[in-house]
Amino acid sequence: QVQVAESGGGSVQAGGSLKLSCVVSGYKDRRDCLGWFRHSPGLEREAVATISSDGSTSYKWSLRDRFIISKDNAKNFLYLQMNSLKSEDTAMFYCAADPRQEDCTASRKFNTYDYWGQGTQVTVSS
């Protein structure tokens, strides 16, 4: 009954920006971990950025200077602002949610999140 849905992907030129959005519905308790993940063909799915119920954020180290995760608690919306995009950022981006709070950092393995969206494609052309 928990549903996750991403939007905002598209095709951009290198150096451009995109803002992804995600809505999470169906939770009784909104003390959830939320995260953005990406998956390129032939590579493992990896965490991009995460945010805890209290607003604490965590990033893949190499992306901290270009990506920003944020959320609107009242609306249960999640966002990922991506700036200065590079061709190597091309991937399917997923929004994920999980009620467990013991670890909401980007180091947490993706397969421990229970709820996932269908993904939104981001393509960056050089």
C-alpha atoms as a PDB file:
ATOM      1  CA  GLN A   1       0.000   0.000   0.000  1.00  0.00           C
ATOM      2  CA  VAL A   2       3.040   2.274   0.155  1.00  0.00           C
ATOM      3  CA  GLN A   3       3.556   3.841  -3.247  1.00  0.00           C
ATOM      4  CA  VAL A   4       6.578   5.700  -4.575  1.00  0.00           C
ATOM      5  CA  ALA A   5       6.628   7.654  -7.824  1.00  0.00           C
ATOM      6  CA  GLU A   6       9.467   9.640  -9.409  1.00  0.00           C
ATOM      7  CA  SER A   7       9.368  12.267 -12.104  1.00  0.00           C
ATOM      8  CA  GLY A   8      11.535  14.953 -13.642  1.00  0.00           C
ATOM      9  CA  GLY A   9      14.049  12.975 -15.650  1.00  0.00           C
ATOM     10  CA  GLY A  10      15.022  13.881 -19.171  1.00  0.00           C
ATOM     11  CA  SER A  11      17.839  14.580 -21.573  1.00  0.00           C
ATOM     12  CA  VAL A  12      20.213  17.483 -20.977  1.00  0.00           C
ATOM     13  CA  GLN A  13      23.545  18.741 -22.214  1.00  0.00           C
ATOM     14  CA  ALA A  14      26.618  18.369 -20.060  1.00  0.00           C
ATOM     15  CA  GLY A  15      26.794  21.209 -17.584  1.00  0.00           C
ATOM     16  CA  GLY A  16      23.038  21.494 -17.327  1.00  0.00           C
ATOM     17  CA  SER A  17      20.727  20.882 -14.395  1.00  0.00           C
ATOM     18  CA  LEU A  18      17.702  18.772 -13.578  1.00  0.00           C
ATOM     19  CA  LYS A  19      15.446  18.520 -10.565  1.00  0.00           C
ATOM     20  CA  LEU A  20      13.844  15.181  -9.806  1.00  0.00           C
ATOM     21  CA  SER A  21      10.728  14.820  -7.694  1.00  0.00           C
ATOM     22  CA  CYS A  22       9.250  11.914  -5.793  1.00  0.00           C
ATOM     23  CA  VAL A  23       6.025  11.448  -3.892  1.00  0.00           C
ATOM     24  CA  VAL A  24       5.632   8.796  -1.215  1.00  0.00           C
ATOM     25  CA  SER A  25       2.138   7.822  -0.164  1.00  0.00           C
ATOM     26  CA  GLY A  26       0.510   5.213   2.027  1.00  0.00           C
ATOM     27  CA  TYR A  27       2.675   5.501   5.128  1.00  0.00           C
ATOM     28  CA  LYS A  28       1.003   5.541   8.508  1.00  0.00           C
ATOM     29  CA  ASP A  29       4.221   6.747  10.145  1.00  0.00           C
ATOM     30  CA  ARG A  30       6.300   9.237   8.152  1.00  0.00           C
ATOM     31  CA  ARG A  31       9.497   8.595  10.109  1.00  0.00           C
ATOM     32  CA  ASP A  32      10.996   7.017   7.033  1.00  0.00           C
ATOM     33  CA  CYS A  33      14.391   6.993   5.417  1.00  0.00           C
ATOM     34  CA  LEU A  34      14.239   8.355   1.882  1.00  0.00           C
ATOM     35  CA  GLY A  35      16.851   8.066  -0.792  1.00  0.00           C
ATOM     36  CA  TRP A  36      17.803   8.555  -4.401  1.00  0.00           C
ATOM     37  CA  PHE A  37      19.646   5.791  -6.186  1.00  0.00           C
ATOM     38  CA  ARG A  38      20.899   5.414  -9.713  1.00  0.00           C
ATOM     39  CA  HIS A  39      21.573   2.459 -11.951  1.00  0.00           C
ATOM     40  CA  SER A  40      23.499   2.399 -15.216  1.00  0.00           C
ATOM     41  CA  PRO A  41      23.446  -0.675 -17.470  1.00  0.00           C
ATOM     42  CA  GLY A  42      26.216  -3.050 -16.487  1.00  0.00           C
ATOM     43  CA  LEU A  43      26.871  -1.313 -13.165  1.00  0.00           C
ATOM     44  CA  GLU A  44      25.534  -1.883  -9.674  1.00  0.00           C
ATOM     45  CA  ARG A  45      22.794   0.280  -8.273  1.00  0.00           C
ATOM     46  CA  GLU A  46      24.277   2.908  -5.981  1.00  0.00           C
ATOM     47  CA  ALA A  47      23.053   5.450  -3.486  1.00  0.00           C
ATOM     48  CA  VAL A  48      23.220   9.052  -4.633  1.00  0.00           C
ATOM     49  CA  ALA A  49      21.802  10.824  -1.608  1.00  0.00           C
ATOM     50  CA  THR A  50      19.622  10.045   1.382  1.00  0.00           C
ATOM     51  CA  ILE A  51      17.663  11.992   3.962  1.00  0.00           C
ATOM     52  CA  SER A  52      16.356  10.917   7.351  1.00  0.00           C
ATOM     53  CA  SER A  53      13.082  11.778   9.051  1.00  0.00           C
ATOM     54  CA  ASP A  54      14.752  14.637  10.937  1.00  0.00           C
ATOM     55  CA  GLY A  55      16.219  16.098   7.751  1.00  0.00           C
ATOM     56  CA  SER A  56      19.792  14.871   8.084  1.00  0.00           C
ATOM     57  CA  THR A  57      21.337  14.304   4.669  1.00  0.00           C
ATOM     58  CA  SER A  58      23.998  12.000   3.335  1.00  0.00           C
ATOM     59  CA  TYR A  59      25.626  11.829  -0.096  1.00  0.00           C
ATOM     60  CA  LYS A  60      27.812   9.700  -2.230  1.00  0.00           C
ATOM     61  CA  TRP A  61      31.060  11.526  -1.548  1.00  0.00           C
ATOM     62  CA  SER A  62      31.905  12.396  -5.134  1.00  0.00           C
ATOM     63  CA  LEU A  63      28.494  14.019  -5.694  1.00  0.00           C
ATOM     64  CA  ARG A  64      28.286  16.279  -2.652  1.00  0.00           C
ATOM     65  CA  ASP A  65      29.341  19.377  -4.573  1.00  0.00           C
ATOM     66  CA  ARG A  66      26.757  18.992  -7.348  1.00  0.00           C
ATOM     67  CA  PHE A  67      23.661  17.233  -5.966  1.00  0.00           C
ATOM     68  CA  ILE A  68      21.267  18.373  -3.254  1.00  0.00           C
ATOM     69  CA  ILE A  69      18.562  16.256  -1.645  1.00  0.00           C
ATOM     70  CA  SER A  70      15.614  17.858   0.104  1.00  0.00           C
ATOM     71  CA  LYS A  71      12.067  17.058   1.127  1.00  0.00           C
ATOM     72  CA  ASP A  72       8.736  18.578   2.009  1.00  0.00           C
ATOM     73  CA  ASN A  73       7.486  16.693   5.045  1.00  0.00           C
ATOM     74  CA  ALA A  74       3.973  18.105   4.909  1.00  0.00           C
ATOM     75  CA  LYS A  75       3.440  16.866   1.361  1.00  0.00           C
ATOM     76  CA  ASN A  76       5.725  13.818   1.595  1.00  0.00           C
ATOM     77  CA  PHE A  77       7.643  15.008  -1.455  1.00  0.00           C
ATOM     78  CA  LEU A  78      11.295  14.249  -2.060  1.00  0.00           C
ATOM     79  CA  TYR A  79      13.585  16.170  -4.414  1.00  0.00           C
ATOM     80  CA  LEU A  80      16.994  15.827  -5.961  1.00  0.00           C
ATOM     81  CA  GLN A  81      18.570  18.908  -7.494  1.00  0.00           C
ATOM     82  CA  MET A  82      21.352  17.936  -9.876  1.00  0.00           C
ATOM     83  CA  ASN A  83      23.743  20.586 -11.143  1.00  0.00           C
ATOM     84  CA  SER A  84      26.717  20.599 -13.495  1.00  0.00           C
ATOM     85  CA  LEU A  85      25.664  17.269 -14.915  1.00  0.00           C
ATOM     86  CA  LYS A  86      28.232  15.076 -16.614  1.00  0.00           C
ATOM     87  CA  SER A  87      27.840  12.305 -19.149  1.00  0.00           C
ATOM     88  CA  GLU A  88      28.798   9.771 -16.503  1.00  0.00           C
ATOM     89  CA  ASP A  89      25.716  10.803 -14.508  1.00  0.00           C
ATOM     90  CA  THR A  90      23.541   9.148 -17.148  1.00  0.00           C
ATOM     91  CA  ALA A  91      21.449   6.518 -15.385  1.00  0.00           C
ATOM     92  CA  MET A  92      18.020   5.445 -14.314  1.00  0.00           C
ATOM     93  CA  PHE A  93      17.291   7.274 -11.077  1.00  0.00           C
ATOM     94  CA  TYR A  94      15.109   5.686  -8.428  1.00  0.00           C
ATOM     95  CA  CYS A  95      13.398   7.018  -5.352  1.00  0.00           C
ATOM     96  CA  ALA A  96      13.198   4.660  -2.388  1.00  0.00           C
ATOM     97  CA  ALA A  97      11.699   4.662   1.086  1.00  0.00           C
ATOM     98  CA  ASP A  98      12.017   2.529   4.183  1.00  0.00           C
ATOM     99  CA  PRO A  99      10.601   2.914   7.706  1.00  0.00           C
ATOM    100  CA  ARG A 100      13.715   1.662   9.494  1.00  0.00           C
ATOM    101  CA  GLN A 101      15.722   4.484  11.067  1.00  0.00           C
ATOM    102  CA  GLU A 102      18.869   2.833  12.383  1.00  0.00           C
ATOM    103  CA  ASP A 103      20.860   3.873   9.331  1.00  0.00           C
ATOM    104  CA  CYS A 104      19.680   6.501   6.868  1.00  0.00           C
ATOM    105  CA  THR A 105      23.070   7.329   5.374  1.00  0.00           C
ATOM    106  CA  ALA A 106      24.199   6.836   1.804  1.00  0.00           C
ATOM    107  CA  SER A 107      26.317   3.928   3.006  1.00  0.00           C
ATOM    108  CA  ARG A 108      23.232   1.827   3.609  1.00  0.00           C
ATOM    109  CA  LYS A 109      22.803  -0.875   0.998  1.00  0.00           C
ATOM    110  CA  PHE A 110      20.078  -0.283  -1.548  1.00  0.00           C
ATOM    111  CA  ASN A 111      18.559  -3.714  -1.127  1.00  0.00           C
ATOM    112  CA  THR A 112      17.525  -2.917   2.447  1.00  0.00           C
ATOM    113  CA  TYR A 113      14.942  -0.372   1.252  1.00  0.00           C
ATOM    114  CA  ASP A 114      11.464  -1.832   1.014  1.00  0.00           C
ATOM    115  CA  TYR A 115       9.682   0.576  -1.300  1.00  0.00           C
ATOM    116  CA  TRP A 116      10.781   1.738  -4.735  1.00  0.00           C
ATOM    117  CA  GLY A 117       9.516   3.816  -7.581  1.00  0.00           C
ATOM    118  CA  GLN A 118       9.643   2.757 -11.204  1.00  0.00           C
ATOM    119  CA  GLY A 119      12.564   5.026 -12.039  1.00  0.00           C
ATOM    120  CA  THR A 120      13.074   8.097 -14.172  1.00  0.00           C
ATOM    121  CA  GLN A 121      15.734   8.223 -16.861  1.00  0.00           C
ATOM    122  CA  VAL A 122      18.414  10.905 -16.837  1.00  0.00           C
ATOM    123  CA  THR A 123      20.537  11.200 -19.953  1.00  0.00           C
ATOM    124  CA  VAL A 124      23.406  13.670 -20.170  1.00  0.00           C
ATOM    125  CA  SER A 125      24.939  14.377 -23.570  1.00  0.00           C
ATOM    126  CA  SER A 126      28.516  15.584 -23.878  1.00  0.00           C
END
